C-alpha atoms as a PDB file:
ATOM      1  CA  MET A   1     149.835  54.895  38.002  1.00  0.00           C
ATOM      2  CA  PRO A   2     149.301  58.551  37.001  1.00  0.00           C
ATOM      3  CA  ILE A   3     145.842  59.636  35.884  1.00  0.00           C
ATOM      4  CA  ASP A   4     145.550  60.447  32.195  1.00  0.00           C
ATOM      5  CA  PHE A   5     142.895  63.187  32.044  1.00  0.00           C
ATOM      6  CA  LYS A   6     142.303  62.504  28.347  1.00  0.00           C
ATOM      7  CA  SER A   7     141.242  58.942  29.083  1.00  0.00           C
ATOM      8  CA  LEU A   8     138.669  59.996  31.667  1.00  0.00           C
ATOM      9  CA  ARG A   9     135.112  60.670  30.656  1.00  0.00           C
ATOM     10  CA  ARG A  10     134.025  64.293  30.878  1.00  0.00           C
ATOM     11  CA  GLU A  11     132.016  63.707  34.066  1.00  0.00           C
ATOM     12  CA  GLN A  12     134.989  62.082  35.790  1.00  0.00           C
ATOM     13  CA  THR A  13     137.326  64.808  34.594  1.00  0.00           C
ATOM     14  CA  PHE A  14     134.966  67.526  35.806  1.00  0.00           C
ATOM     15  CA  ALA A  15     134.564  65.858  39.210  1.00  0.00           C
ATOM     16  CA  LEU A  16     138.326  65.554  39.668  1.00  0.00           C
ATOM     17  CA  ILE A  17     139.043  69.147  38.600  1.00  0.00           C
ATOM     18  CA  TYR A  18     136.184  70.484  40.744  1.00  0.00           C
ATOM     19  CA  ASP A  19     137.386  68.541  43.781  1.00  0.00           C
ATOM     20  CA  LEU A  20     140.931  69.839  43.310  1.00  0.00           C
ATOM     21  CA  MET A  21     139.724  73.424  42.848  1.00  0.00           C
ATOM     22  CA  THR A  22     137.502  73.330  45.944  1.00  0.00           C
ATOM     23  CA  GLY A  23     140.050  71.618  48.167  1.00  0.00           C
ATOM     24  CA  GLN A  24     138.015  68.434  48.458  1.00  0.00           C
ATOM     25  CA  ALA A  25     140.953  66.534  46.925  1.00  0.00           C
ATOM     26  CA  GLU A  26     144.625  67.235  47.478  1.00  0.00           C
ATOM     27  CA  ALA A  27     146.822  67.573  44.390  1.00  0.00           C
ATOM     28  CA  ASP A  28     149.544  65.557  46.157  1.00  0.00           C
ATOM     29  CA  ALA A  29     147.126  62.625  46.453  1.00  0.00           C
ATOM     30  CA  VAL A  30     146.329  62.633  42.713  1.00  0.00           C
ATOM     31  CA  GLU A  31     149.008  61.304  40.407  1.00  0.00           C
ATOM     32  CA  SER A  32     148.830  63.361  37.237  1.00  0.00           C
ATOM     33  CA  ASP A  33     151.052  65.721  35.324  1.00  0.00           C
ATOM     34  CA  LEU A  34     148.138  68.172  35.094  1.00  0.00           C
ATOM     35  CA  THR A  35     147.471  68.693  38.801  1.00  0.00           C
ATOM     36  CA  HIS A  36     150.101  71.442  38.957  1.00  0.00           C
ATOM     37  CA  MET A  37     147.824  73.501  36.684  1.00  0.00           C
ATOM     38  CA  ILE A  38     144.756  73.118  38.927  1.00  0.00           C
ATOM     39  CA  LYS A  39     144.849  75.465  41.896  1.00  0.00           C
ATOM     40  CA  ASN A  40     142.867  75.044  45.110  1.00  0.00           C
ATOM     41  CA  GLU A  41     140.791  78.233  44.980  1.00  0.00           C
ATOM     42  CA  PHE A  42     140.045  77.950  48.714  1.00  0.00           C
ATOM     43  CA  GLU A  43     143.643  78.159  49.939  1.00  0.00           C
ATOM     44  CA  GLU A  44     144.283  80.957  52.429  1.00  0.00           C
ATOM     45  CA  GLY A  45     144.626  84.281  50.677  1.00  0.00           C
ATOM     46  CA  GLU A  46     142.651  83.247  47.599  1.00  0.00           C
ATOM     47  CA  GLU A  47     139.477  85.175  46.734  1.00  0.00           C
ATOM     48  CA  CYS A  48     137.227  82.140  47.284  1.00  0.00           C
ATOM     49  CA  ALA A  49     138.714  81.603  50.751  1.00  0.00           C
ATOM     50  CA  LYS A  50     138.056  85.233  51.651  1.00  0.00           C
ATOM     51  CA  LEU A  51     134.467  84.999  50.427  1.00  0.00           C
ATOM     52  CA  TYR A  52     133.957  81.720  52.266  1.00  0.00           C
ATOM     53  CA  HIS A  53     135.169  83.266  55.536  1.00  0.00           C
ATOM     54  CA  ARG A  54     132.852  86.264  55.038  1.00  0.00           C
ATOM     55  CA  SER A  55     129.852  84.039  54.383  1.00  0.00           C
ATOM     56  CA  TYR A  56     130.737  81.798  57.336  1.00  0.00           C
ATOM     57  CA  ARG A  57     130.815  84.778  59.712  1.00  0.00           C
ATOM     58  CA  VAL A  58     127.384  85.899  58.482  1.00  0.00           C
ATOM     59  CA  ARG A  59     126.049  82.333  58.738  1.00  0.00           C
ATOM     60  CA  VAL A  60     127.139  82.128  62.373  1.00  0.00           C
ATOM     61  CA  LYS A  61     125.662  85.562  63.074  1.00  0.00           C
ATOM     62  CA  LEU A  62     122.314  84.674  61.454  1.00  0.00           C
ATOM     63  CA  SER A  63     122.142  81.332  63.207  1.00  0.00           C
ATOM     64  CA  GLY A  64     122.801  83.056  66.504  1.00  0.00           C
ATOM     65  CA  GLN A  65     120.055  85.583  65.854  1.00  0.00           C
ATOM     66  CA  LEU A  66     117.552  82.964  64.718  1.00  0.00           C
ATOM     67  CA  ASP A  67     117.991  80.305  67.373  1.00  0.00           C
ATOM     68  CA  ARG A  68     120.963  81.201  69.562  1.00  0.00           C
ATOM     69  CA  ASN A  69     123.042  78.597  67.717  1.00  0.00           C
ATOM     70  CA  ALA A  70     126.647  79.756  67.929  1.00  0.00           C
ATOM     71  CA  GLU A  71     127.829  76.997  65.574  1.00  0.00           C
ATOM     72  CA  GLY A  72     126.187  78.541  62.496  1.00  0.00           C
ATOM     73  CA  GLU A  73     124.098  75.442  61.902  1.00  0.00           C
ATOM     74  CA  ASN A  74     120.548  76.804  61.778  1.00  0.00           C
ATOM     75  CA  PRO A  75     118.679  74.352  59.501  1.00  0.00           C
ATOM     76  CA  ASP A  76     117.137  77.074  57.330  1.00  0.00           C
ATOM     77  CA  VAL A  77     120.430  78.909  56.919  1.00  0.00           C
ATOM     78  CA  MET A  78     122.176  75.640  56.102  1.00  0.00           C
ATOM     79  CA  GLU A  79     119.526  74.854  53.474  1.00  0.00           C
ATOM     80  CA  ILE A  80     120.331  78.174  51.778  1.00  0.00           C
ATOM     81  CA  VAL A  81     124.067  77.409  51.907  1.00  0.00           C
ATOM     82  CA  ASP A  82     123.555  73.879  50.552  1.00  0.00           C
ATOM     83  CA  CYS A  83     121.401  75.168  47.688  1.00  0.00           C
ATOM     84  CA  TYR A  84     123.983  77.765  46.700  1.00  0.00           C
ATOM     85  CA  GLU A  85     126.774  75.192  46.818  1.00  0.00           C
ATOM     86  CA  GLU A  86     124.790  72.876  44.545  1.00  0.00           C
ATOM     87  CA  MET A  87     123.989  75.748  42.151  1.00  0.00           C
ATOM     88  CA  GLN A  88     127.717  76.555  42.035  1.00  0.00           C
ATOM     89  CA  ARG A  89     128.553  72.954  41.183  1.00  0.00           C
ATOM     90  CA  ILE A  90     125.893  72.854  38.435  1.00  0.00           C
ATOM     91  CA  LEU A  91     127.109  76.113  36.882  1.00  0.00           C
ATOM     92  CA  CYS A  92     130.748  75.009  37.035  1.00  0.00           C
ATOM     93  CA  ARG A  93     129.858  71.675  35.433  1.00  0.00           C
ATOM     94  CA  GLN A  94     127.933  73.387  32.638  1.00  0.00           C
ATOM     95  CA  ALA A  95     130.781  75.848  32.018  1.00  0.00           C
ATOM     96  CA  PHE A  96     133.196  72.910  31.842  1.00  0.00           C
ATOM     97  CA  LEU A  97     130.967  71.069  29.352  1.00  0.00           C
ATOM     98  CA  TYR A  98     130.521  74.212  27.222  1.00  0.00           C
ATOM     99  CA  GLY A  99     134.306  74.593  27.216  1.00  0.00           C
ATOM    100  CA  CYS A 100     134.681  70.992  26.036  1.00  0.00           C
ATOM    101  CA  ARG A 101     132.217  71.603  23.190  1.00  0.00           C
ATOM    102  CA  ILE A 102     133.697  74.924  22.175  1.00  0.00           C
ATOM    103  CA  GLY A 103     137.207  73.471  22.363  1.00  0.00           C
ATOM    104  CA  GLY A 104     136.175  70.670  20.027  1.00  0.00           C
ATOM    105  CA  GLU A 105     136.849  67.933  22.568  1.00  0.00           C
ATOM    106  CA  GLU A 106     133.464  66.222  22.213  1.00  0.00           C
ATOM    107  CA  GLN A 107     133.595  62.566  23.223  1.00  0.00           C
END
């Protein structure tokens, strides 16, 4: 059965859109008429993918310099990455909620 975005609560809608945009969910796996409008911003060639690859290269370089870890998994560096990813999610969620309010779609 296709997902009706209007029937989802805002939190569920945000989570689904965010997961589609970040590539954590595949549009083909979600049955909805709206998924064609939601682009994976981390697909090759997209700006987010380019930025991710840049930050990954620096993460590996820093990890190597800090503890000779070629995998880019230095715990302190990873803590910074995790914090920035969570900040991104919070800001995206707030922007989504502001858009709902401004658009008059309060539930």
